[in-house]
Structure formats: C-alpha cells, structure tokens
Amino acid sequence: MSGKSGKSEAGGPANPSRRTVLALGAVAASTVVTIRPALAQTAGSILNCEIPVPGPQAGGNHIAADGSLVPPGTPGSFAPLARPLTGEEVKVMLRGGGAPAGVDSQSAHAYANYIRRLQSGMSGFTCYASLQMPR
C-alpha cells in the first residue's frame, strides 16, 4: 500500500484509520439518539391525527353500510359524525376493537368501511395511510 495516495496497491481505497472509524461511530450513535425521540413523537402524532367522516368533500352526504357516500335519507345509511375520529379511535375500530364513544356498532362498521375507501387527496387519507404503515 502506498501511504500518501490513500489507495491500496490494488487500486482500491485504503482501509480507514482507527480515528476515522471512531469518528464515524460517534456520528452514527448521535444519529440514533436523535432519531429515536423523533420516531416516538411521530408515533404519538399519528395516533392524534384526525379523520373526518365523511370529509368536507362529501357535501352533507351520509354513509352507506359499505362505506360509500349516499344522499341523506337513503335507507340503511348513517349520518355523518359530528366530530372527526382520532387516529387512535380509527386504529381500534379498524382492528374490530369496538366503536368510539357515542357511536353504535352498525354506524362504526359503516364508518370503518368509509375510512378504508379513502384515497389520496381526500381529507383524512394521510392519517389513514400513516396508521397502515408498520412500526
């Protein structure tokens, strides 16, 4: 190996010095310490995000049992929720863990189906997509 060129005799990069390896280790350790709290904060904010059911784009429509939007007064439809659902409520509801306070099980099933139908650009989609990401 030629000492001044930083290259080995084979033409590849020279092995890093002990000092370089220690410096890289220190940088990696500080990165881990910085990222962990950020991930914890992200997980908390995901559970506090909100999903309106239905979103403002629905224009006063009701929710059918299959989650589709229908005009008010459609038989078997459910009125919109008065408040958005939190990410935590949605997570529990989508796993079959029960309805949020003040919501009966049939309505909760229709609302869960509505949430499953959310698409990019709809209110609440980002929250729903975040809940679907593995931790």
N, C-alpha and C. Protein backbone atom coordinates (compact mmCIF):
# COMPACT_ATOMS: atom_id res chain seq x y z
N MET A 1 0.84 -1.18 0.00
CA MET A 1 0.00 0.00 0.00
C MET A 1 0.88 1.23 0.00
N SER A 2 0.57 2.22 -0.80
CA SER A 2 1.34 3.45 -0.79
C SER A 2 0.70 4.38 0.21
N GLY A 3 1.44 4.84 1.19
CA GLY A 3 0.91 5.57 2.32
C GLY A 3 0.31 6.93 2.00
N LYS A 4 0.82 7.66 1.03
CA LYS A 4 0.38 9.04 0.81
C LYS A 4 -0.81 9.13 -0.14
N SER A 5 -1.02 8.16 -1.01
CA SER A 5 -2.07 8.30 -2.01
C SER A 5 -3.45 7.94 -1.46
N GLY A 6 -3.50 7.21 -0.33
CA GLY A 6 -4.80 6.81 0.20
C GLY A 6 -5.38 5.64 -0.55
N LYS A 7 -4.61 5.01 -1.41
CA LYS A 7 -5.08 3.86 -2.18
C LYS A 7 -4.23 2.65 -1.84
N SER A 8 -4.84 1.49 -1.92
CA SER A 8 -4.07 0.27 -1.71
C SER A 8 -3.32 -0.04 -2.99
N GLU A 9 -2.44 -1.03 -2.92
CA GLU A 9 -1.67 -1.39 -4.12
C GLU A 9 -2.57 -1.90 -5.22
N ALA A 10 -3.73 -2.46 -4.86
CA ALA A 10 -4.65 -2.97 -5.86
C ALA A 10 -5.46 -1.86 -6.53
N GLY A 11 -5.32 -0.63 -6.06
CA GLY A 11 -6.02 0.49 -6.68
C GLY A 11 -7.31 0.86 -5.97
N GLY A 12 -7.76 0.09 -4.97
CA GLY A 12 -8.98 0.40 -4.22
C GLY A 12 -8.68 1.37 -3.11
N PRO A 13 -9.71 1.80 -2.39
CA PRO A 13 -9.49 2.74 -1.29
C PRO A 13 -8.72 2.07 -0.16
N ALA A 14 -7.94 2.85 0.55
CA ALA A 14 -7.18 2.34 1.68
C ALA A 14 -8.12 2.06 2.84
N ASN A 15 -7.72 1.19 3.76
CA ASN A 15 -8.52 0.93 4.95
C ASN A 15 -8.57 2.19 5.79
N PRO A 16 -9.75 2.49 6.36
CA PRO A 16 -9.84 3.71 7.16
C PRO A 16 -9.01 3.58 8.44
N SER A 17 -8.53 4.70 8.90
CA SER A 17 -7.75 4.69 10.12
C SER A 17 -8.67 4.50 11.32
N ARG A 18 -8.08 4.15 12.44
CA ARG A 18 -8.85 3.95 13.67
C ARG A 18 -9.59 5.24 14.04
N ARG A 19 -8.95 6.35 13.83
CA ARG A 19 -9.54 7.64 14.14
C ARG A 19 -10.79 7.89 13.30
N THR A 20 -10.74 7.54 12.01
CA THR A 20 -11.89 7.71 11.12
C THR A 20 -13.04 6.82 11.56
N VAL A 21 -12.73 5.56 11.89
CA VAL A 21 -13.76 4.61 12.32
C VAL A 21 -14.43 5.11 13.60
N LEU A 22 -13.66 5.60 14.55
CA LEU A 22 -14.22 6.12 15.79
C LEU A 22 -15.11 7.35 15.54
N ALA A 23 -14.67 8.21 14.63
CA ALA A 23 -15.46 9.40 14.31
C ALA A 23 -16.80 9.00 13.67
N LEU A 24 -16.76 8.04 12.76
CA LEU A 24 -17.99 7.56 12.13
C LEU A 24 -18.92 6.92 13.16
N GLY A 25 -18.35 6.18 14.08
CA GLY A 25 -19.15 5.56 15.14
C GLY A 25 -19.83 6.59 16.01
N ALA A 26 -19.12 7.68 16.32
CA ALA A 26 -19.70 8.75 17.13
C ALA A 26 -20.85 9.42 16.40
N VAL A 27 -20.69 9.64 15.10
CA VAL A 27 -21.74 10.26 14.31
C VAL A 27 -22.96 9.34 14.26
N ALA A 28 -22.75 8.04 14.05
CA ALA A 28 -23.86 7.09 13.98
C ALA A 28 -24.60 7.02 15.31
N ALA A 29 -23.87 7.01 16.42
CA ALA A 29 -24.50 6.95 17.74
C ALA A 29 -25.34 8.19 18.00
N SER A 30 -24.85 9.35 17.63
CA SER A 30 -25.64 10.57 17.87
C SER A 30 -26.87 10.59 16.97
N THR A 31 -26.78 10.01 15.80
CA THR A 31 -27.92 9.94 14.91
C THR A 31 -29.01 9.07 15.52
N VAL A 32 -28.64 7.93 16.07
CA VAL A 32 -29.61 7.04 16.70
C VAL A 32 -30.29 7.74 17.87
N VAL A 33 -29.52 8.43 18.67
CA VAL A 33 -30.08 9.14 19.82
C VAL A 33 -31.03 10.23 19.36
N THR A 34 -30.76 10.86 18.23
CA THR A 34 -31.62 11.91 17.70
C THR A 34 -32.88 11.35 17.07
N ILE A 35 -32.79 10.23 16.36
CA ILE A 35 -33.92 9.68 15.63
C ILE A 35 -34.95 9.02 16.56
N ARG A 36 -34.52 8.33 17.59
CA ARG A 36 -35.46 7.63 18.46
C ARG A 36 -36.54 8.54 19.02
N PRO A 37 -36.20 9.69 19.62
CA PRO A 37 -37.28 10.57 20.10
C PRO A 37 -38.18 11.06 18.98
N ALA A 38 -37.61 11.30 17.81
CA ALA A 38 -38.41 11.76 16.68
C ALA A 38 -39.41 10.68 16.27
N LEU A 39 -38.99 9.41 16.27
CA LEU A 39 -39.92 8.33 15.93
C LEU A 39 -41.02 8.21 16.97
N ALA A 40 -40.67 8.36 18.24
CA ALA A 40 -41.67 8.29 19.29
C ALA A 40 -42.67 9.44 19.14
N GLN A 41 -42.18 10.62 18.81
CA GLN A 41 -43.06 11.76 18.61
C GLN A 41 -43.95 11.53 17.40
N THR A 42 -43.41 10.95 16.33
CA THR A 42 -44.19 10.67 15.14
C THR A 42 -45.29 9.68 15.44
N ALA A 43 -44.97 8.62 16.17
CA ALA A 43 -45.97 7.62 16.53
C ALA A 43 -47.09 8.26 17.33
N GLY A 44 -46.75 9.15 18.25
CA GLY A 44 -47.76 9.84 19.03
C GLY A 44 -48.62 10.74 18.19
N SER A 45 -48.02 11.45 17.25
CA SER A 45 -48.80 12.36 16.42
C SER A 45 -49.70 11.60 15.46
N ILE A 46 -49.28 10.42 15.03
CA ILE A 46 -50.13 9.62 14.16
C ILE A 46 -51.40 9.21 14.89
N LEU A 47 -51.28 8.84 16.15
CA LEU A 47 -52.44 8.42 16.91
C LEU A 47 -53.35 9.61 17.24
N ASN A 48 -52.83 10.83 17.14
CA ASN A 48 -53.64 12.02 17.41
C ASN A 48 -54.13 12.70 16.14
N CYS A 49 -53.76 12.19 14.96
CA CYS A 49 -54.25 12.79 13.73
C CYS A 49 -55.77 12.57 13.65
N GLU A 50 -56.42 13.25 12.75
CA GLU A 50 -57.88 13.17 12.68
C GLU A 50 -58.37 12.81 11.30
N ILE A 51 -59.49 12.08 11.28
CA ILE A 51 -60.13 11.70 10.03
C ILE A 51 -61.60 12.10 10.13
N PRO A 52 -62.02 13.09 9.33
CA PRO A 52 -63.44 13.46 9.32
C PRO A 52 -64.25 12.39 8.58
N VAL A 53 -65.42 12.04 9.12
CA VAL A 53 -66.27 11.01 8.50
C VAL A 53 -67.66 11.59 8.32
N PRO A 54 -68.04 11.91 7.10
CA PRO A 54 -67.20 11.99 5.91
C PRO A 54 -66.44 13.30 5.89
N GLY A 55 -65.52 13.39 4.95
CA GLY A 55 -64.72 14.60 4.80
C GLY A 55 -65.54 15.74 4.21
N PRO A 56 -64.98 16.95 4.22
CA PRO A 56 -65.70 18.12 3.70
C PRO A 56 -66.10 17.98 2.24
N GLN A 57 -65.39 17.16 1.49
CA GLN A 57 -65.72 16.97 0.07
C GLN A 57 -67.03 16.23 -0.13
N ALA A 58 -67.59 15.63 0.95
CA ALA A 58 -68.80 14.83 0.84
C ALA A 58 -70.07 15.68 0.75
N GLY A 59 -70.00 16.92 1.15
CA GLY A 59 -71.14 17.82 0.97
C GLY A 59 -72.43 17.38 1.66
N GLY A 60 -72.36 16.92 2.89
CA GLY A 60 -73.57 16.57 3.64
C GLY A 60 -74.12 15.18 3.36
N ASN A 61 -73.42 14.39 2.60
CA ASN A 61 -73.88 13.03 2.32
C ASN A 61 -73.82 12.16 3.57
N HIS A 62 -74.54 11.07 3.53
CA HIS A 62 -74.50 10.08 4.60
C HIS A 62 -73.60 8.92 4.15
N ILE A 63 -73.38 7.99 5.06
CA ILE A 63 -72.50 6.85 4.78
C ILE A 63 -73.35 5.58 4.71
N ALA A 64 -73.23 4.84 3.62
CA ALA A 64 -73.91 3.55 3.49
C ALA A 64 -73.11 2.50 4.25
N ALA A 65 -73.71 1.34 4.49
CA ALA A 65 -73.05 0.28 5.23
C ALA A 65 -71.74 -0.15 4.57
N ASP A 66 -71.64 -0.05 3.24
CA ASP A 66 -70.41 -0.45 2.55
C ASP A 66 -69.35 0.65 2.54
N GLY A 67 -69.67 1.81 3.15
CA GLY A 67 -68.72 2.91 3.22
C GLY A 67 -68.85 3.93 2.11
N SER A 68 -69.76 3.70 1.19
CA SER A 68 -69.93 4.66 0.10
C SER A 68 -70.76 5.85 0.58
N LEU A 69 -70.66 6.94 -0.14
CA LEU A 69 -71.43 8.14 0.17
C LEU A 69 -72.77 8.06 -0.53
N VAL A 70 -73.82 8.37 0.21
CA VAL A 70 -75.19 8.34 -0.33
C VAL A 70 -75.92 9.60 0.12
N PRO A 71 -76.99 9.96 -0.58
CA PRO A 71 -77.76 11.15 -0.17
C PRO A 71 -78.42 10.93 1.19
N PRO A 72 -78.62 12.02 1.93
CA PRO A 72 -79.34 11.89 3.21
C PRO A 72 -80.71 11.25 2.98
N GLY A 73 -81.14 10.46 3.93
CA GLY A 73 -82.44 9.81 3.83
C GLY A 73 -82.40 8.47 3.13
N THR A 74 -81.24 8.06 2.63
CA THR A 74 -81.12 6.74 1.99
C THR A 74 -81.32 5.68 3.06
N PRO A 75 -82.23 4.71 2.81
CA PRO A 75 -82.45 3.67 3.81
C PRO A 75 -81.16 2.92 4.16
N GLY A 76 -80.93 2.70 5.45
CA GLY A 76 -79.75 1.97 5.90
C GLY A 76 -78.48 2.81 5.95
N SER A 77 -78.61 4.12 5.70
CA SER A 77 -77.42 4.97 5.75
C SER A 77 -77.27 5.58 7.14
N PHE A 78 -76.09 6.11 7.39
CA PHE A 78 -75.76 6.66 8.69
C PHE A 78 -75.35 8.12 8.54
N ALA A 79 -75.78 8.93 9.48
CA ALA A 79 -75.47 10.37 9.45
C ALA A 79 -73.97 10.58 9.66
N PRO A 80 -73.45 11.68 9.14
CA PRO A 80 -72.03 11.99 9.36
C PRO A 80 -71.75 12.17 10.85
N LEU A 81 -70.51 11.92 11.23
CA LEU A 81 -70.10 12.14 12.61
C LEU A 81 -70.02 13.64 12.88
N ALA A 82 -70.32 14.02 14.10
CA ALA A 82 -70.27 15.43 14.47
C ALA A 82 -68.83 15.93 14.63
N ARG A 83 -67.91 15.01 14.87
CA ARG A 83 -66.50 15.37 15.06
C ARG A 83 -65.64 14.36 14.32
N PRO A 84 -64.42 14.75 13.97
CA PRO A 84 -63.52 13.79 13.32
C PRO A 84 -63.07 12.72 14.32
N LEU A 85 -62.74 11.56 13.81
CA LEU A 85 -62.18 10.48 14.64
C LEU A 85 -60.68 10.69 14.77
N THR A 86 -60.14 10.35 15.92
CA THR A 86 -58.69 10.42 16.10
C THR A 86 -58.05 9.17 15.50
N GLY A 87 -56.77 9.24 15.25
CA GLY A 87 -56.05 8.08 14.73
C GLY A 87 -56.17 6.89 15.67
N GLU A 88 -56.13 7.14 16.97
CA GLU A 88 -56.26 6.06 17.96
C GLU A 88 -57.62 5.39 17.84
N GLU A 89 -58.69 6.18 17.72
CA GLU A 89 -60.03 5.61 17.58
C GLU A 89 -60.15 4.79 16.30
N VAL A 90 -59.59 5.31 15.23
CA VAL A 90 -59.65 4.61 13.95
C VAL A 90 -58.86 3.30 14.03
N LYS A 91 -57.70 3.34 14.62
CA LYS A 91 -56.88 2.15 14.76
C LYS A 91 -57.64 1.05 15.50
N VAL A 92 -58.26 1.39 16.60
CA VAL A 92 -59.04 0.43 17.38
C VAL A 92 -60.22 -0.08 16.55
N MET A 93 -60.92 0.84 15.91
CA MET A 93 -62.11 0.49 15.14
C MET A 93 -61.77 -0.44 13.97
N LEU A 94 -60.68 -0.16 13.25
CA LEU A 94 -60.32 -0.97 12.09
C LEU A 94 -59.86 -2.37 12.49
N ARG A 95 -59.40 -2.51 13.71
CA ARG A 95 -58.99 -3.83 14.20
C ARG A 95 -60.15 -4.59 14.83
N GLY A 96 -61.35 -4.04 14.73
CA GLY A 96 -62.52 -4.71 15.29
C GLY A 96 -62.63 -4.56 16.80
N GLY A 97 -61.95 -3.57 17.35
CA GLY A 97 -61.93 -3.39 18.80
C GLY A 97 -63.09 -2.61 19.37
N GLY A 98 -64.04 -2.22 18.57
CA GLY A 98 -65.19 -1.51 19.09
C GLY A 98 -65.32 -0.11 18.54
N ALA A 99 -66.48 0.46 18.84
CA ALA A 99 -66.81 1.78 18.34
C ALA A 99 -66.38 2.86 19.32
N PRO A 100 -66.09 4.06 18.81
CA PRO A 100 -65.80 5.18 19.71
C PRO A 100 -67.04 5.52 20.54
N ALA A 101 -66.84 6.23 21.62
CA ALA A 101 -67.94 6.63 22.49
C ALA A 101 -69.02 7.37 21.69
N GLY A 102 -70.26 7.00 21.92
CA GLY A 102 -71.38 7.66 21.26
C GLY A 102 -71.70 7.15 19.87
N VAL A 103 -71.01 6.09 19.43
CA VAL A 103 -71.24 5.54 18.08
C VAL A 103 -71.66 4.08 18.24
N ASP A 104 -72.81 3.72 17.64
CA ASP A 104 -73.24 2.32 17.73
C ASP A 104 -72.42 1.44 16.78
N SER A 105 -72.49 0.14 16.97
CA SER A 105 -71.62 -0.78 16.21
C SER A 105 -71.92 -0.78 14.72
N GLN A 106 -73.19 -0.63 14.32
CA GLN A 106 -73.50 -0.61 12.89
C GLN A 106 -72.94 0.64 12.22
N SER A 107 -73.07 1.76 12.88
CA SER A 107 -72.50 3.01 12.34
C SER A 107 -70.99 2.89 12.26
N ALA A 108 -70.38 2.37 13.32
CA ALA A 108 -68.92 2.22 13.35
C ALA A 108 -68.44 1.35 12.20
N HIS A 109 -69.18 0.30 11.89
CA HIS A 109 -68.80 -0.58 10.77
C HIS A 109 -68.86 0.21 9.45
N ALA A 110 -69.91 1.00 9.26
CA ALA A 110 -70.03 1.81 8.04
C ALA A 110 -68.91 2.85 7.98
N TYR A 111 -68.60 3.49 9.12
CA TYR A 111 -67.54 4.49 9.15
C TYR A 111 -66.18 3.85 8.86
N ALA A 112 -65.96 2.66 9.39
CA ALA A 112 -64.70 1.95 9.11
C ALA A 112 -64.58 1.64 7.62
N ASN A 113 -65.69 1.22 7.01
CA ASN A 113 -65.67 0.95 5.56
C ASN A 113 -65.41 2.23 4.76
N TYR A 114 -65.97 3.36 5.22
CA TYR A 114 -65.69 4.64 4.57
C TYR A 114 -64.20 4.95 4.64
N ILE A 115 -63.62 4.78 5.83
CA ILE A 115 -62.20 5.09 6.02
C ILE A 115 -61.34 4.19 5.14
N ARG A 116 -61.69 2.93 5.01
CA ARG A 116 -60.93 2.01 4.14
C ARG A 116 -60.97 2.44 2.68
N ARG A 117 -61.99 3.20 2.30
CA ARG A 117 -62.14 3.66 0.91
C ARG A 117 -61.42 4.98 0.64
N LEU A 118 -60.85 5.59 1.68
CA LEU A 118 -60.17 6.88 1.48
C LEU A 118 -59.07 6.74 0.44
N GLN A 119 -58.95 7.77 -0.37
CA GLN A 119 -57.92 7.80 -1.42
C GLN A 119 -57.12 9.09 -1.30
N SER A 120 -55.98 9.08 -1.92
CA SER A 120 -55.11 10.25 -1.91
C SER A 120 -55.89 11.50 -2.33
N GLY A 121 -55.71 12.56 -1.58
CA GLY A 121 -56.39 13.81 -1.87
C GLY A 121 -57.65 14.02 -1.04
N MET A 122 -58.15 12.97 -0.41
CA MET A 122 -59.34 13.08 0.43
C MET A 122 -58.92 13.42 1.87
N SER A 123 -59.76 14.18 2.55
CA SER A 123 -59.48 14.54 3.94
C SER A 123 -59.36 13.27 4.78
N GLY A 124 -58.28 13.20 5.54
CA GLY A 124 -58.05 12.06 6.41
C GLY A 124 -57.20 10.97 5.80
N PHE A 125 -56.93 11.04 4.49
CA PHE A 125 -56.17 9.97 3.85
C PHE A 125 -54.77 9.84 4.42
N THR A 126 -54.08 10.95 4.65
CA THR A 126 -52.72 10.89 5.17
C THR A 126 -52.70 10.23 6.53
N CYS A 127 -53.66 10.56 7.37
CA CYS A 127 -53.76 9.95 8.69
C CYS A 127 -53.98 8.44 8.54
N TYR A 128 -54.92 8.05 7.71
CA TYR A 128 -55.23 6.64 7.49
C TYR A 128 -54.01 5.90 6.95
N ALA A 129 -53.32 6.49 5.98
CA ALA A 129 -52.15 5.85 5.40
C ALA A 129 -51.06 5.68 6.46
N SER A 130 -50.90 6.67 7.33
CA SER A 130 -49.90 6.58 8.39
C SER A 130 -50.22 5.45 9.36
N LEU A 131 -51.50 5.23 9.62
CA LEU A 131 -51.90 4.14 10.51
C LEU A 131 -51.61 2.77 9.90
N GLN A 132 -51.56 2.70 8.59
CA GLN A 132 -51.33 1.43 7.90
C GLN A 132 -49.85 1.05 7.83
N MET A 133 -48.97 2.01 8.06
CA MET A 133 -47.54 1.74 7.96
C MET A 133 -47.05 0.91 9.14
N PRO A 134 -46.27 -0.11 8.89
CA PRO A 134 -45.77 -0.93 10.01
C PRO A 134 -44.79 -0.14 10.86
N ARG A 135 -44.76 -0.44 12.12
CA ARG A 135 -43.86 0.22 13.07
C ARG A 135 -42.68 -0.67 13.34
